[in-house]
C-alpha atoms as a PDB file:
ATOM      1  CA  MET A   1       0.000   0.000   0.000  1.00  0.00           C
ATOM      2  CA  THR A   2       2.915   2.339   0.529  1.00  0.00           C
ATOM      3  CA  ALA A   3       3.407   2.611  -3.247  1.00  0.00           C
ATOM      4  CA  LYS A   4      -0.067   4.035  -3.709  1.00  0.00           C
ATOM      5  CA  THR A   5      -0.964   7.686  -3.459  1.00  0.00           C
ATOM      6  CA  LEU A   6      -4.485   7.705  -2.063  1.00  0.00           C
ATOM      7  CA  ILE A   7      -7.110  10.422  -2.190  1.00  0.00           C
ATOM      8  CA  PHE A   8      -9.824  10.653   0.457  1.00  0.00           C
ATOM      9  CA  THR A   9     -12.974  12.444  -0.710  1.00  0.00           C
ATOM     10  CA  THR A  10     -16.128  13.550   1.066  1.00  0.00           C
ATOM     11  CA  GLY A  11     -19.337  14.318  -0.785  1.00  0.00           C
ATOM     12  CA  LEU A  12     -21.294  17.151   0.833  1.00  0.00           C
ATOM     13  CA  THR A  13     -24.869  18.402   0.747  1.00  0.00           C
ATOM     14  CA  ASP A  14     -27.296  20.784   2.397  1.00  0.00           C
ATOM     15  CA  GLU A  15     -30.114  18.225   2.141  1.00  0.00           C
ATOM     16  CA  ILE A  16     -31.655  17.190   5.464  1.00  0.00           C
ATOM     17  CA  ASP A  17     -32.528  13.519   5.908  1.00  0.00           C
ATOM     18  CA  THR A  18     -35.600  13.709   8.150  1.00  0.00           C
ATOM     19  CA  ASP A  19     -36.679  10.109   7.445  1.00  0.00           C
ATOM     20  CA  GLY A  20     -33.423   8.353   8.335  1.00  0.00           C
ATOM     21  CA  GLU A  21     -32.976   6.983   4.818  1.00  0.00           C
ATOM     22  CA  TRP A  22     -29.191   7.424   4.697  1.00  0.00           C
ATOM     23  CA  ILE A  23     -28.074   8.908   8.026  1.00  0.00           C
ATOM     24  CA  VAL A  24     -29.047   8.158  11.622  1.00  0.00           C
ATOM     25  CA  HIS A  25     -28.532  10.869  14.213  1.00  0.00           C
ATOM     26  CA  SER A  26     -27.247  10.100  17.676  1.00  0.00           C
ATOM     27  CA  GLU A  27     -29.876   9.676  20.375  1.00  0.00           C
ATOM     28  CA  HIS A  28     -27.643  11.415  22.910  1.00  0.00           C
ATOM     29  CA  ASN A  29     -28.049  15.104  23.594  1.00  0.00           C
ATOM     30  CA  GLN A  30     -25.488  17.082  21.627  1.00  0.00           C
ATOM     31  CA  GLU A  31     -23.688  20.230  22.633  1.00  0.00           C
ATOM     32  CA  LYS A  32     -24.967  23.445  21.138  1.00  0.00           C
ATOM     33  CA  TYR A  33     -23.964  23.869  17.478  1.00  0.00           C
ATOM     34  CA  SER A  34     -22.939  20.182  17.280  1.00  0.00           C
ATOM     35  CA  GLU A  35     -24.392  17.086  15.648  1.00  0.00           C
ATOM     36  CA  SER A  36     -23.386  13.435  15.479  1.00  0.00           C
ATOM     37  CA  TYR A  37     -24.663  10.913  12.949  1.00  0.00           C
ATOM     38  CA  ASN A  38     -23.899   7.600  11.262  1.00  0.00           C
ATOM     39  CA  LEU A  39     -23.629   7.697   7.469  1.00  0.00           C
ATOM     40  CA  TYR A  40     -24.941   4.163   7.054  1.00  0.00           C
ATOM     41  CA  LYS A  41     -25.770   4.518   3.354  1.00  0.00           C
ATOM     42  CA  GLN A  42     -23.825   6.426   0.715  1.00  0.00           C
ATOM     43  CA  ASN A  43     -26.122   8.893  -1.050  1.00  0.00           C
ATOM     44  CA  PRO A  44     -24.391  10.496  -4.049  1.00  0.00           C
ATOM     45  CA  GLU A  45     -27.782  11.556  -5.433  1.00  0.00           C
ATOM     46  CA  VAL A  46     -27.984  14.454  -2.954  1.00  0.00           C
ATOM     47  CA  GLU A  47     -24.326  15.429  -3.313  1.00  0.00           C
ATOM     48  CA  LYS A  48     -23.786  19.085  -4.275  1.00  0.00           C
ATOM     49  CA  ALA A  49     -20.041  19.461  -3.696  1.00  0.00           C
ATOM     50  CA  SER A  50     -16.974  17.413  -2.808  1.00  0.00           C
ATOM     51  CA  LEU A  51     -13.631  18.011  -1.127  1.00  0.00           C
ATOM     52  CA  SER A  52     -10.505  15.846  -1.246  1.00  0.00           C
ATOM     53  CA  TRP A  53      -7.311  15.228   0.731  1.00  0.00           C
ATOM     54  CA  LYS A  54      -4.109  13.573  -0.449  1.00  0.00           C
ATOM     55  CA  LEU A  55      -3.186  11.034   2.190  1.00  0.00           C
ATOM     56  CA  ASN A  56       0.266  11.024   3.760  1.00  0.00           C
ATOM     57  CA  MET A  57       1.114   7.479   2.659  1.00  0.00           C
ATOM     58  CA  GLU A  58       4.844   8.057   3.168  1.00  0.00           C
ATOM     59  CA  ASN A  59       4.213   7.831   6.913  1.00  0.00           C
ATOM     60  CA  PRO A  60       4.160   4.181   8.126  1.00  0.00           C
ATOM     61  CA  LEU A  61       1.581   4.876  10.842  1.00  0.00           C
ATOM     62  CA  VAL A  62      -0.788   6.526   8.344  1.00  0.00           C
ATOM     63  CA  VAL A  63      -0.446   3.446   6.127  1.00  0.00           C
ATOM     64  CA  LYS A  64      -1.390   1.200   9.048  1.00  0.00           C
ATOM     65  CA  LEU A  65      -4.337   3.435   9.982  1.00  0.00           C
ATOM     66  CA  ILE A  66      -5.708   3.347   6.434  1.00  0.00           C
ATOM     67  CA  GLU A  67      -5.270  -0.435   6.323  1.00  0.00           C
ATOM     68  CA  GLN A  68      -7.171  -0.657   9.624  1.00  0.00           C
ATOM     69  CA  TRP A  69      -9.872   1.633   8.230  1.00  0.00           C
ATOM     70  CA  GLU A  70     -10.284  -0.512   5.106  1.00  0.00           C
ATOM     71  CA  LYS A  71     -10.555  -3.699   7.194  1.00  0.00           C
ATOM     72  CA  THR A  72     -13.191  -2.108   9.421  1.00  0.00           C
ATOM     73  CA  ILE A  73     -15.524  -1.089   6.580  1.00  0.00           C
ATOM     74  CA  ARG A  74     -15.648  -4.695   5.302  1.00  0.00           C
ATOM     75  CA  LYS A  75     -17.320  -5.786   8.541  1.00  0.00           C
ATOM     76  CA  PRO A  76     -20.284  -4.465  10.561  1.00  0.00           C
ATOM     77  CA  HIS A  77     -19.336  -0.910  11.467  1.00  0.00           C
ATOM     78  CA  LEU A  78     -20.517   2.662  11.962  1.00  0.00           C
ATOM     79  CA  LYS A  79     -19.330   5.531   9.804  1.00  0.00           C
ATOM     80  CA  MET A  80     -19.689   8.247  12.435  1.00  0.00           C
ATOM     81  CA  ILE A  81     -19.407  11.939  11.680  1.00  0.00           C
ATOM     82  CA  ASN A  82     -19.240  14.507  14.463  1.00  0.00           C
ATOM     83  CA  MET A  83     -19.648  18.083  13.261  1.00  0.00           C
ATOM     84  CA  ARG A  84     -19.459  21.398  15.114  1.00  0.00           C
ATOM     85  CA  ARG A  85     -20.361  24.705  13.422  1.00  0.00           C
ATOM     86  CA  LYS A  86     -20.088  27.449  16.008  1.00  0.00           C
ATOM     87  CA  PRO A  87     -20.553  31.145  15.153  1.00  0.00           C
ATOM     88  CA  PHE A  88     -17.241  32.988  15.161  1.00  0.00           C
ATOM     89  CA  HIS A  89     -16.894  35.138  18.271  1.00  0.00           C
ATOM     90  CA  PHE A  90     -16.032  38.408  16.514  1.00  0.00           C
ATOM     91  CA  ASN A  91     -18.466  38.042  13.612  1.00  0.00           C
ATOM     92  CA  LYS A  92     -21.522  35.781  13.932  1.00  0.00           C
ATOM     93  CA  ASP A  93     -21.840  35.583  10.136  1.00  0.00           C
ATOM     94  CA  TYR A  94     -18.750  33.334  10.133  1.00  0.00           C
ATOM     95  CA  PHE A  95     -18.282  29.880  11.642  1.00  0.00           C
ATOM     96  CA  ASP A  96     -15.594  27.897  13.382  1.00  0.00           C
ATOM     97  CA  ILE A  97     -15.921  24.374  11.998  1.00  0.00           C
ATOM     98  CA  ASP A  98     -14.612  21.069  13.359  1.00  0.00           C
ATOM     99  CA  MET A  99     -15.322  17.589  12.045  1.00  0.00           C
ATOM    100  CA  VAL A 100     -14.308  14.118  13.236  1.00  0.00           C
ATOM    101  CA  LEU A 101     -14.605  11.069  10.959  1.00  0.00           C
ATOM    102  CA  GLN A 102     -14.638   7.667  12.641  1.00  0.00           C
ATOM    103  CA  HIS A 103     -15.083   4.119  11.398  1.00  0.00           C
ATOM    104  CA  LEU A 104     -16.198   2.208  14.483  1.00  0.00           C
ATOM    105  CA  PRO A 105     -16.189  -1.622  14.386  1.00  0.00           C
ATOM    106  CA  LEU A 106     -19.247  -3.339  15.846  1.00  0.00           C
ATOM    107  CA  LEU A 107     -17.448  -6.651  16.374  1.00  0.00           C
ATOM    108  CA  PRO A 108     -14.282  -7.288  18.414  1.00  0.00           C
ATOM    109  CA  GLU A 109     -11.223  -6.579  16.307  1.00  0.00           C
ATOM    110  CA  GLU A 110      -8.706  -9.352  15.769  1.00  0.00           C
ATOM    111  CA  ASP A 111      -5.694  -7.175  15.015  1.00  0.00           C
ATOM    112  CA  VAL A 112      -5.815  -4.015  17.080  1.00  0.00           C
ATOM    113  CA  LEU A 113      -3.238  -1.401  16.162  1.00  0.00           C
ATOM    114  CA  SER A 114      -1.327  -0.597  19.350  1.00  0.00           C
ATOM    115  CA  LEU A 115       1.905   1.275  19.976  1.00  0.00           C
ATOM    116  CA  SER A 116       3.863   2.336  23.018  1.00  0.00           C
ATOM    117  CA  ILE A 117       4.200   6.003  23.823  1.00  0.00           C
ATOM    118  CA  GLY A 118       7.864   5.798  22.913  1.00  0.00           C
ATOM    119  CA  GLU A 119       6.991   4.376  19.490  1.00  0.00           C
ATOM    120  CA  LEU A 120       4.325   7.039  18.919  1.00  0.00           C
ATOM    121  CA  LEU A 121       6.871   9.784  19.546  1.00  0.00           C
ATOM    122  CA  ASP A 122       8.809   8.532  16.507  1.00  0.00           C
ATOM    123  CA  CYS A 123       5.788   8.536  14.161  1.00  0.00           C
ATOM    124  CA  GLY A 124       5.934  12.138  13.003  1.00  0.00           C
ATOM    125  CA  PHE A 125       3.608  13.919  15.432  1.00  0.00           C
ATOM    126  CA  THR A 126       4.188  17.665  15.596  1.00  0.00           C
ATOM    127  CA  LYS A 127       2.596  20.707  17.201  1.00  0.00           C
ATOM    128  CA  LYS A 128      -0.949  21.441  16.034  1.00  0.00           C
ATOM    129  CA  GLN A 129      -0.015  24.865  14.714  1.00  0.00           C
ATOM    130  CA  THR A 130       2.508  23.411  12.242  1.00  0.00           C
ATOM    131  CA  GLN A 131      -0.137  21.410  10.352  1.00  0.00           C
ATOM    132  CA  PRO A 132      -1.441  22.904   7.064  1.00  0.00           C
ATOM    133  CA  TRP A 133      -4.806  24.619   7.597  1.00  0.00           C
ATOM    134  CA  GLY A 134      -7.674  22.308   6.707  1.00  0.00           C
ATOM    135  CA  SER A 135      -5.633  19.106   6.923  1.00  0.00           C
ATOM    136  CA  LEU A 136      -6.947  15.768   8.141  1.00  0.00           C
ATOM    137  CA  VAL A 137      -5.043  14.929  11.327  1.00  0.00           C
ATOM    138  CA  LEU A 138      -4.953  12.429  14.159  1.00  0.00           C
ATOM    139  CA  TYR A 139      -4.659  14.217  17.500  1.00  0.00           C
ATOM    140  CA  MET A 140      -2.543  12.683  20.233  1.00  0.00           C
ATOM    141  CA  ASP A 141      -5.100  13.679  22.878  1.00  0.00           C
ATOM    142  CA  ASN A 142      -7.736  11.627  21.000  1.00  0.00           C
ATOM    143  CA  ILE A 143      -5.493   8.578  21.375  1.00  0.00           C
ATOM    144  CA  TYR A 144      -5.291   9.126  25.133  1.00  0.00           C
ATOM    145  CA  ASN A 145      -9.040   9.744  25.373  1.00  0.00           C
ATOM    146  CA  HIS A 146      -9.716   6.564  23.386  1.00  0.00           C
ATOM    147  CA  ASN A 147      -7.695   4.629  25.968  1.00  0.00           C
ATOM    148  CA  ASN A 148      -9.362   6.370  28.931  1.00  0.00           C
ATOM    149  CA  THR A 149      -6.039   7.485  30.291  1.00  0.00           C
ATOM    150  CA  ASN A 150      -4.621  10.804  31.402  1.00  0.00           C
ATOM    151  CA  TYR A 151      -1.511  12.237  29.815  1.00  0.00           C
ATOM    152  CA  LEU A 152       1.341  14.492  30.721  1.00  0.00           C
ATOM    153  CA  ASN A 153       0.256  17.478  28.599  1.00  0.00           C
ATOM    154  CA  ARG A 154      -3.063  17.823  30.436  1.00  0.00           C
ATOM    155  CA  GLN A 155      -1.466  17.293  33.842  1.00  0.00           C
ATOM    156  CA  ILE A 156       1.072  20.042  33.171  1.00  0.00           C
ATOM    157  CA  ASP A 157      -1.695  22.417  32.096  1.00  0.00           C
ATOM    158  CA  ASP A 158      -3.679  21.501  35.223  1.00  0.00           C
ATOM    159  CA  LEU A 159      -0.629  22.252  37.325  1.00  0.00           C
ATOM    160  CA  HIS A 160      -0.442  25.662  35.637  1.00  0.00           C
ATOM    161  CA  ASN A 161      -4.068  26.210  36.724  1.00  0.00           C
ATOM    162  CA  ASP A 162      -3.226  25.285  40.349  1.00  0.00           C
ATOM    163  CA  ASN A 163      -4.705  21.776  40.115  1.00  0.00           C
ATOM    164  CA  PRO A 164      -2.880  18.884  41.819  1.00  0.00           C
ATOM    165  CA  PHE A 165      -0.179  17.093  39.814  1.00  0.00           C
ATOM    166  CA  ASP A 166       0.333  13.390  40.552  1.00  0.00           C
ATOM    167  CA  VAL A 167       3.626  12.407  38.975  1.00  0.00           C
ATOM    168  CA  GLU A 168       3.163   8.823  40.174  1.00  0.00           C
ATOM    169  CA  GLU A 169       0.355   8.280  37.630  1.00  0.00           C
ATOM    170  CA  PHE A 170       2.812   7.988  34.760  1.00  0.00           C
ATOM    171  CA  ASP A 171       4.502   4.830  33.527  1.00  0.00           C
ATOM    172  CA  THR A 172       7.933   4.859  31.971  1.00  0.00           C
ATOM    173  CA  VAL A 173       7.679   6.682  28.661  1.00  0.00           C
ATOM    174  CA  ASN A 174       8.394   3.570  26.601  1.00  0.00           C
ATOM    175  CA  ASN A 175       6.175   1.154  28.553  1.00  0.00           C
ATOM    176  CA  ARG A 176       2.610   2.421  28.253  1.00  0.00           C
ATOM    177  CA  VAL A 177       0.932   0.816  25.224  1.00  0.00           C
ATOM    178  CA  LEU A 178      -2.029   2.589  23.635  1.00  0.00           C
ATOM    179  CA  GLU A 179      -4.620   1.389  21.145  1.00  0.00           C
ATOM    180  CA  ILE A 180      -4.658   3.686  18.103  1.00  0.00           C
ATOM    181  CA  PRO A 181      -8.146   4.683  16.873  1.00  0.00           C
ATOM    182  CA  SER A 182      -8.980   5.474  13.249  1.00  0.00           C
ATOM    183  CA  ASN A 183     -10.554   8.845  13.883  1.00  0.00           C
ATOM    184  CA  PHE A 184      -9.433  11.673  11.666  1.00  0.00           C
ATOM    185  CA  CYS A 185     -10.100  15.302  12.519  1.00  0.00           C
ATOM    186  CA  LEU A 186     -10.640  18.368  10.378  1.00  0.00           C
ATOM    187  CA  ASN A 187     -10.232  21.833  11.882  1.00  0.00           C
ATOM    188  CA  LEU A 188     -11.499  24.848   9.942  1.00  0.00           C
ATOM    189  CA  ASN A 189     -11.385  27.318  12.822  1.00  0.00           C
ATOM    190  CA  LEU A 190     -10.798  30.913  11.815  1.00  0.00           C
ATOM    191  CA  THR A 191      -7.779  32.914  12.960  1.00  0.00           C
ATOM    192  CA  GLN A 192      -7.450  36.644  13.399  1.00  0.00           C
ATOM    193  CA  PHE A 193      -3.746  36.695  12.546  1.00  0.00           C
ATOM    194  CA  LYS A 194      -1.002  34.492  11.161  1.00  0.00           C
ATOM    195  CA  LYS A 195       1.066  33.255  14.055  1.00  0.00           C
ATOM    196  CA  LYS A 196       4.317  31.581  13.115  1.00  0.00           C
ATOM    197  CA  SER A 197       4.874  28.507  15.248  1.00  0.00           C
ATOM    198  CA  ASN A 198       8.344  27.274  16.137  1.00  0.00           C
ATOM    199  CA  SER A 199       8.501  23.671  14.958  1.00  0.00           C
ATOM    200  CA  GLU A 200      11.529  22.789  17.082  1.00  0.00           C
ATOM    201  CA  THR A 201      10.906  20.381  19.947  1.00  0.00           C
ATOM    202  CA  THR A 202      13.685  21.567  22.252  1.00  0.00           C
ATOM    203  CA  PHE A 203      13.137  22.108  25.961  1.00  0.00           C
ATOM    204  CA  LYS A 204      13.941  25.829  25.694  1.00  0.00           C
ATOM    205  CA  ASN A 205      11.016  26.317  23.275  1.00  0.00           C
ATOM    206  CA  LEU A 206       8.420  24.984  25.713  1.00  0.00           C
ATOM    207  CA  PHE A 207       6.069  27.332  27.527  1.00  0.00           C
ATOM    208  CA  HIS A 208       7.393  28.734  30.790  1.00  0.00           C
ATOM    209  CA  HIS A 209       4.969  26.704  32.944  1.00  0.00           C
ATOM    210  CA  GLN A 210       6.000  23.504  31.119  1.00  0.00           C
ATOM    211  CA  GLN A 211       9.682  24.159  31.809  1.00  0.00           C
ATOM    212  CA  ALA A 212       8.872  25.064  35.411  1.00  0.00           C
ATOM    213  CA  ALA A 213       7.012  21.782  35.946  1.00  0.00           C
ATOM    214  CA  PHE A 214       9.993  19.761  34.724  1.00  0.00           C
ATOM    215  CA  ASN A 215      12.418  21.708  36.889  1.00  0.00           C
ATOM    216  CA  GLU A 216      10.228  21.168  39.953  1.00  0.00           C
ATOM    217  CA  TYR A 217       9.714  17.424  39.364  1.00  0.00           C
ATOM    218  CA  GLU A 218      12.940  16.688  37.509  1.00  0.00           C
ATOM    219  CA  ASP A 219      14.100  13.786  39.718  1.00  0.00           C
ATOM    220  CA  GLU A 220      10.712  12.053  39.599  1.00  0.00           C
ATOM    221  CA  LEU A 221      10.302  12.558  35.842  1.00  0.00           C
ATOM    222  CA  ILE A 222      13.811  11.290  35.072  1.00  0.00           C
ATOM    223  CA  GLU A 223      13.080   8.205  37.169  1.00  0.00           C
ATOM    224  CA  LEU A 224       9.969   7.609  35.046  1.00  0.00           C
ATOM    225  CA  GLY A 225      11.985   7.883  31.845  1.00  0.00           C
ATOM    226  CA  TYR A 226      11.575  11.541  30.907  1.00  0.00           C
ATOM    227  CA  ASP A 227      14.731  13.553  30.315  1.00  0.00           C
ATOM    228  CA  LYS A 228      14.441  17.092  28.944  1.00  0.00           C
ATOM    229  CA  GLU A 229      14.504  15.879  25.339  1.00  0.00           C
ATOM    230  CA  SER A 230      11.782  13.217  25.668  1.00  0.00           C
ATOM    231  CA  TYR A 231       9.706  15.500  27.909  1.00  0.00           C
ATOM    232  CA  ALA A 232       9.783  18.241  25.252  1.00  0.00           C
ATOM    233  CA  LYS A 233       9.030  15.763  22.469  1.00  0.00           C
ATOM    234  CA  LEU A 234       6.017  14.383  24.319  1.00  0.00           C
ATOM    235  CA  LEU A 235       4.575  17.831  25.017  1.00  0.00           C
ATOM    236  CA  THR A 236       4.954  18.932  21.396  1.00  0.00           C
ATOM    237  CA  SER A 237       3.740  15.683  19.760  1.00  0.00           C
ATOM    238  CA  GLU A 238       0.175  16.873  19.301  1.00  0.00           C
ATOM    239  CA  ALA A 239      -0.995  15.995  15.782  1.00  0.00           C
ATOM    240  CA  LEU A 240      -0.132  13.587  12.972  1.00  0.00           C
ATOM    241  CA  LEU A 241      -0.740  14.668   9.379  1.00  0.00           C
ATOM    242  CA  ILE A 242      -3.148  12.199   7.747  1.00  0.00           C
ATOM    243  CA  GLY A 243      -3.929  14.107   4.560  1.00  0.00           C
ATOM    244  CA  GLU A 244      -3.357  17.501   2.956  1.00  0.00           C
ATOM    245  CA  PRO A 245      -6.302  19.306   1.365  1.00  0.00           C
ATOM    246  CA  GLN A 246      -6.457  19.445  -2.416  1.00  0.00           C
ATOM    247  CA  ASP A 247      -8.501  22.652  -2.325  1.00  0.00           C
ATOM    248  CA  SER A 248      -7.687  26.184  -1.220  1.00  0.00           C
ATOM    249  CA  PRO A 249      -8.579  27.368   2.309  1.00  0.00           C
ATOM    250  CA  THR A 250     -11.286  29.603   0.833  1.00  0.00           C
ATOM    251  CA  THR A 251     -12.863  26.691  -1.065  1.00  0.00           C
ATOM    252  CA  LEU A 252     -12.684  24.421   1.985  1.00  0.00           C
ATOM    253  CA  TYR A 253     -14.302  26.958   4.261  1.00  0.00           C
ATOM    254  CA  GLU A 254     -17.015  28.182   1.883  1.00  0.00           C
ATOM    255  CA  THR A 255     -17.956  24.640   0.814  1.00  0.00           C
ATOM    256  CA  PHE A 256     -18.399  23.383   4.374  1.00  0.00           C
ATOM    257  CA  CYS A 257     -20.382  26.483   5.314  1.00  0.00           C
ATOM    258  CA  LYS A 258     -22.760  25.980   2.391  1.00  0.00           C
ATOM    259  CA  TYR A 259     -22.935  22.162   2.458  1.00  0.00           C
ATOM    260  CA  PRO A 260     -22.382  20.992   6.034  1.00  0.00           C
ATOM    261  CA  THR A 261     -23.609  17.367   5.796  1.00  0.00           C
ATOM    262  CA  VAL A 262     -21.451  14.458   4.624  1.00  0.00           C
ATOM    263  CA  CYS A 263     -23.395  12.196   2.239  1.00  0.00           C
ATOM    264  CA  ARG A 264     -20.535  10.160   0.743  1.00  0.00           C
ATOM    265  CA  THR A 265     -16.937   9.170   1.404  1.00  0.00           C
ATOM    266  CA  SER A 266     -14.463   7.424  -0.872  1.00  0.00           C
ATOM    267  CA  LEU A 267     -10.869   6.306  -0.948  1.00  0.00           C
ATOM    268  CA  THR A 268      -9.312   6.197  -4.419  1.00  0.00           C
ATOM    269  CA  LYS A 269      -5.897   5.860  -5.992  1.00  0.00           C
ATOM    270  CA  GLU A 270      -4.518   9.075  -7.435  1.00  0.00           C
ATOM    271  CA  LYS A 271      -4.621   9.064 -11.249  1.00  0.00           C
END
């Protein structure tokens, strides 16, 4: 599969399926401006626009995730889409848009993709701000949430907010094994300015409160397997690039604003 260049495409519409003919909405109460539904039947007949992403098939973890995705859709599964369209704070005519695509197996999986934290740190995760706008990404915090486990980034932020920090909760950096979910996120949030993000993962480039936490708990963190280099790498390993958009930011944003419902998905080989 590594030799293939794959294109992921979503078909979009503004049609509303009130009869449950091709989507089924979640029965759980959703947050304001959010919706969650299962696209259980492809419906290209209502499609009014499409957007595509070129998948990052040079990354071994992305290859494994796509292989896992393709195995899942051949068995009983849910094609869940979680969408949030929240009015932009400074101008309510605009929207901040987030979408999560998940293929959820309904039967126990035989070959679950799992990696240790140490292995994940070598998979190409970077800071969120370094990802191209409108990319499909896998967030590290979604991996931790999927495994119902806390993680160092959140604990450090809690410490900054005067919440208790329990350093004993953490295993050695290379020992904790996490199951990797196939949930890909799209972030079309608006920005008021272009902020250049330093892509380096050195300790000196961490936020002040992150450096302060290491200095305060240095002996305990080193005992758990975190030196300054691995500590910095863990805190800055936030997002993995799954696919780059094949459309301009303007086209991405305007298309999702006009046609917010996914009615089709496809995975094809680039011509």
